[in-house]
Amino acid sequence: FIGSDPRNFSDLGAEVEFAIGEEQERHVFDKPTAVVIPKGLPHCPIVTRRIDRPYLCMAVSLTGKR
């Protein structure tokens, strides 16, 4: 999760709620954040609770396959 203000990289510009695990444990953040999900771990939904400006959500998958 990356903010879109090039003058302030430490501001996400939003408040995001992210659920992870079978129990749907909720995590809330408003700073740029990297979330690492081990293989097979249930995750989501992602809820934008507040938005001041657009932000980027990037998904990166690291595998040994081409």
N, C-alpha and C. Protein backbone atom coordinates (compact mmCIF):
# COMPACT_ATOMS: atom_id res chain seq x y z
N PHE A 1 0.86 -1.15 0.00
CA PHE A 1 0.00 0.00 0.00
C PHE A 1 0.90 1.21 0.00
N ILE A 2 0.79 2.05 -1.04
CA ILE A 2 1.69 3.18 -1.25
C ILE A 2 0.86 4.44 -1.45
N GLY A 3 1.25 5.52 -0.81
CA GLY A 3 0.57 6.80 -0.99
C GLY A 3 0.90 7.41 -2.34
N SER A 4 0.09 8.35 -2.78
CA SER A 4 0.28 8.96 -4.11
C SER A 4 0.82 10.38 -4.06
N ASP A 5 1.21 10.87 -2.88
CA ASP A 5 1.75 12.22 -2.76
C ASP A 5 3.27 12.16 -2.91
N PRO A 6 3.82 12.61 -4.05
CA PRO A 6 5.27 12.50 -4.26
C PRO A 6 6.08 13.39 -3.31
N ARG A 7 5.44 14.34 -2.64
CA ARG A 7 6.13 15.21 -1.69
C ARG A 7 6.12 14.65 -0.27
N ASN A 8 5.34 13.58 -0.03
CA ASN A 8 5.24 13.02 1.31
C ASN A 8 5.02 11.50 1.22
N PHE A 9 6.11 10.77 1.11
CA PHE A 9 6.01 9.31 0.96
C PHE A 9 5.56 8.61 2.23
N SER A 10 5.57 9.29 3.36
CA SER A 10 5.16 8.64 4.62
C SER A 10 3.67 8.74 4.88
N ASP A 11 2.92 9.36 3.96
CA ASP A 11 1.47 9.53 4.13
C ASP A 11 0.74 8.65 3.12
N LEU A 12 -0.05 7.70 3.61
CA LEU A 12 -0.82 6.83 2.71
C LEU A 12 -1.98 7.59 2.07
N GLY A 13 -2.56 8.53 2.81
CA GLY A 13 -3.70 9.27 2.28
C GLY A 13 -5.02 8.54 2.46
N ALA A 14 -5.01 7.52 3.31
CA ALA A 14 -6.22 6.72 3.54
C ALA A 14 -6.04 5.92 4.82
N GLU A 15 -7.15 5.35 5.28
CA GLU A 15 -7.12 4.38 6.37
C GLU A 15 -7.69 3.09 5.82
N VAL A 16 -6.92 2.03 5.94
CA VAL A 16 -7.27 0.74 5.32
C VAL A 16 -7.38 -0.33 6.40
N GLU A 17 -8.38 -1.19 6.26
CA GLU A 17 -8.56 -2.34 7.14
C GLU A 17 -8.32 -3.60 6.31
N PHE A 18 -7.47 -4.48 6.82
CA PHE A 18 -7.08 -5.69 6.11
C PHE A 18 -7.32 -6.89 7.02
N ALA A 19 -8.07 -7.87 6.55
CA ALA A 19 -8.36 -9.08 7.34
C ALA A 19 -7.42 -10.20 6.91
N ILE A 20 -6.95 -10.96 7.92
CA ILE A 20 -6.01 -12.04 7.64
C ILE A 20 -6.29 -13.24 8.55
N GLY A 21 -6.11 -14.43 8.00
CA GLY A 21 -6.27 -15.67 8.77
C GLY A 21 -7.70 -16.19 8.77
N GLU A 22 -7.85 -17.43 9.25
CA GLU A 22 -9.17 -18.06 9.34
C GLU A 22 -10.12 -17.26 10.22
N GLU A 23 -9.57 -16.62 11.25
CA GLU A 23 -10.38 -15.85 12.20
C GLU A 23 -10.70 -14.44 11.70
N GLN A 24 -10.21 -14.09 10.51
CA GLN A 24 -10.42 -12.76 9.94
C GLN A 24 -9.92 -11.66 10.89
N GLU A 25 -8.71 -11.85 11.44
CA GLU A 25 -8.10 -10.86 12.33
C GLU A 25 -7.91 -9.55 11.56
N ARG A 26 -8.40 -8.46 12.11
CA ARG A 26 -8.39 -7.16 11.43
C ARG A 26 -7.16 -6.35 11.80
N HIS A 27 -6.55 -5.75 10.79
CA HIS A 27 -5.42 -4.84 10.97
C HIS A 27 -5.77 -3.53 10.27
N VAL A 28 -5.58 -2.42 10.96
CA VAL A 28 -5.90 -1.10 10.41
C VAL A 28 -4.62 -0.29 10.34
N PHE A 29 -4.40 0.38 9.20
CA PHE A 29 -3.20 1.21 9.06
C PHE A 29 -3.52 2.44 8.21
N ASP A 30 -2.72 3.49 8.43
CA ASP A 30 -2.88 4.73 7.66
C ASP A 30 -1.53 5.25 7.16
N LYS A 31 -0.50 4.41 7.25
CA LYS A 31 0.83 4.72 6.73
C LYS A 31 1.13 3.71 5.63
N PRO A 32 2.02 4.05 4.69
CA PRO A 32 2.40 3.06 3.68
C PRO A 32 2.83 1.76 4.36
N THR A 33 2.34 0.63 3.85
CA THR A 33 2.50 -0.65 4.53
C THR A 33 2.73 -1.77 3.53
N ALA A 34 3.62 -2.69 3.86
CA ALA A 34 3.79 -3.93 3.10
C ALA A 34 3.19 -5.06 3.93
N VAL A 35 2.35 -5.86 3.31
CA VAL A 35 1.72 -7.00 3.98
C VAL A 35 2.27 -8.26 3.32
N VAL A 36 2.89 -9.14 4.11
CA VAL A 36 3.45 -10.39 3.59
C VAL A 36 2.51 -11.53 3.99
N ILE A 37 2.02 -12.24 2.99
CA ILE A 37 1.06 -13.33 3.21
C ILE A 37 1.74 -14.65 2.85
N PRO A 38 1.98 -15.53 3.81
CA PRO A 38 2.53 -16.85 3.48
C PRO A 38 1.55 -17.66 2.62
N LYS A 39 2.10 -18.54 1.82
CA LYS A 39 1.30 -19.39 0.95
C LYS A 39 0.22 -20.11 1.74
N GLY A 40 -1.01 -20.05 1.23
CA GLY A 40 -2.13 -20.78 1.83
C GLY A 40 -2.86 -20.05 2.95
N LEU A 41 -2.35 -18.90 3.38
CA LEU A 41 -3.01 -18.17 4.47
C LEU A 41 -4.19 -17.37 3.92
N PRO A 42 -5.40 -17.62 4.42
CA PRO A 42 -6.56 -16.85 3.95
C PRO A 42 -6.38 -15.36 4.29
N HIS A 43 -6.81 -14.52 3.38
CA HIS A 43 -6.74 -13.08 3.61
C HIS A 43 -7.81 -12.37 2.81
N CYS A 44 -8.09 -11.13 3.22
CA CYS A 44 -9.11 -10.26 2.66
C CYS A 44 -10.40 -10.46 3.44
N PRO A 45 -11.29 -9.53 3.43
CA PRO A 45 -11.38 -8.39 2.52
C PRO A 45 -10.43 -7.26 2.92
N ILE A 46 -10.25 -6.37 1.96
CA ILE A 46 -9.55 -5.11 2.17
C ILE A 46 -10.62 -4.03 2.12
N VAL A 47 -10.71 -3.23 3.18
CA VAL A 47 -11.74 -2.19 3.26
C VAL A 47 -11.05 -0.83 3.41
N THR A 48 -11.37 0.10 2.54
CA THR A 48 -10.88 1.47 2.70
C THR A 48 -11.86 2.18 3.61
N ARG A 49 -11.44 2.46 4.84
CA ARG A 49 -12.32 3.07 5.84
C ARG A 49 -12.41 4.59 5.66
N ARG A 50 -11.32 5.19 5.18
CA ARG A 50 -11.29 6.63 4.93
C ARG A 50 -10.32 6.87 3.78
N ILE A 51 -10.64 7.82 2.91
CA ILE A 51 -9.72 8.14 1.81
C ILE A 51 -9.64 9.65 1.64
N ASP A 52 -8.42 10.16 1.67
CA ASP A 52 -8.17 11.58 1.46
C ASP A 52 -7.65 11.84 0.05
N ARG A 53 -6.94 10.87 -0.50
CA ARG A 53 -6.42 10.95 -1.86
C ARG A 53 -6.19 9.52 -2.36
N PRO A 54 -6.08 9.33 -3.64
CA PRO A 54 -5.86 7.97 -4.15
C PRO A 54 -4.58 7.36 -3.58
N TYR A 55 -4.61 6.04 -3.40
CA TYR A 55 -3.42 5.31 -2.99
C TYR A 55 -3.27 4.09 -3.90
N LEU A 56 -2.09 3.48 -3.87
CA LEU A 56 -1.82 2.33 -4.71
C LEU A 56 -1.78 1.07 -3.87
N CYS A 57 -2.39 0.03 -4.37
CA CYS A 57 -2.33 -1.29 -3.74
C CYS A 57 -1.72 -2.23 -4.78
N MET A 58 -0.53 -2.74 -4.48
CA MET A 58 0.20 -3.56 -5.42
C MET A 58 0.29 -5.00 -4.91
N ALA A 59 0.01 -5.96 -5.75
CA ALA A 59 0.16 -7.37 -5.38
C ALA A 59 1.37 -7.93 -6.11
N VAL A 60 2.29 -8.53 -5.38
CA VAL A 60 3.50 -9.11 -5.95
C VAL A 60 3.53 -10.58 -5.54
N SER A 61 3.70 -11.46 -6.52
CA SER A 61 3.77 -12.88 -6.24
C SER A 61 5.18 -13.37 -6.56
N LEU A 62 5.85 -13.93 -5.58
CA LEU A 62 7.20 -14.44 -5.77
C LEU A 62 7.16 -15.95 -5.87
N THR A 63 7.41 -16.46 -7.06
CA THR A 63 7.44 -17.91 -7.26
C THR A 63 8.71 -18.28 -8.02
N GLY A 64 9.05 -19.54 -7.99
CA GLY A 64 10.22 -20.02 -8.72
C GLY A 64 9.89 -20.39 -10.14
N LYS A 65 8.66 -20.22 -10.57
CA LYS A 65 8.23 -20.61 -11.92
C LYS A 65 8.27 -19.40 -12.85
N ARG A 66 8.52 -19.67 -14.13
CA ARG A 66 8.52 -18.60 -15.14
C ARG A 66 7.29 -18.67 -15.98
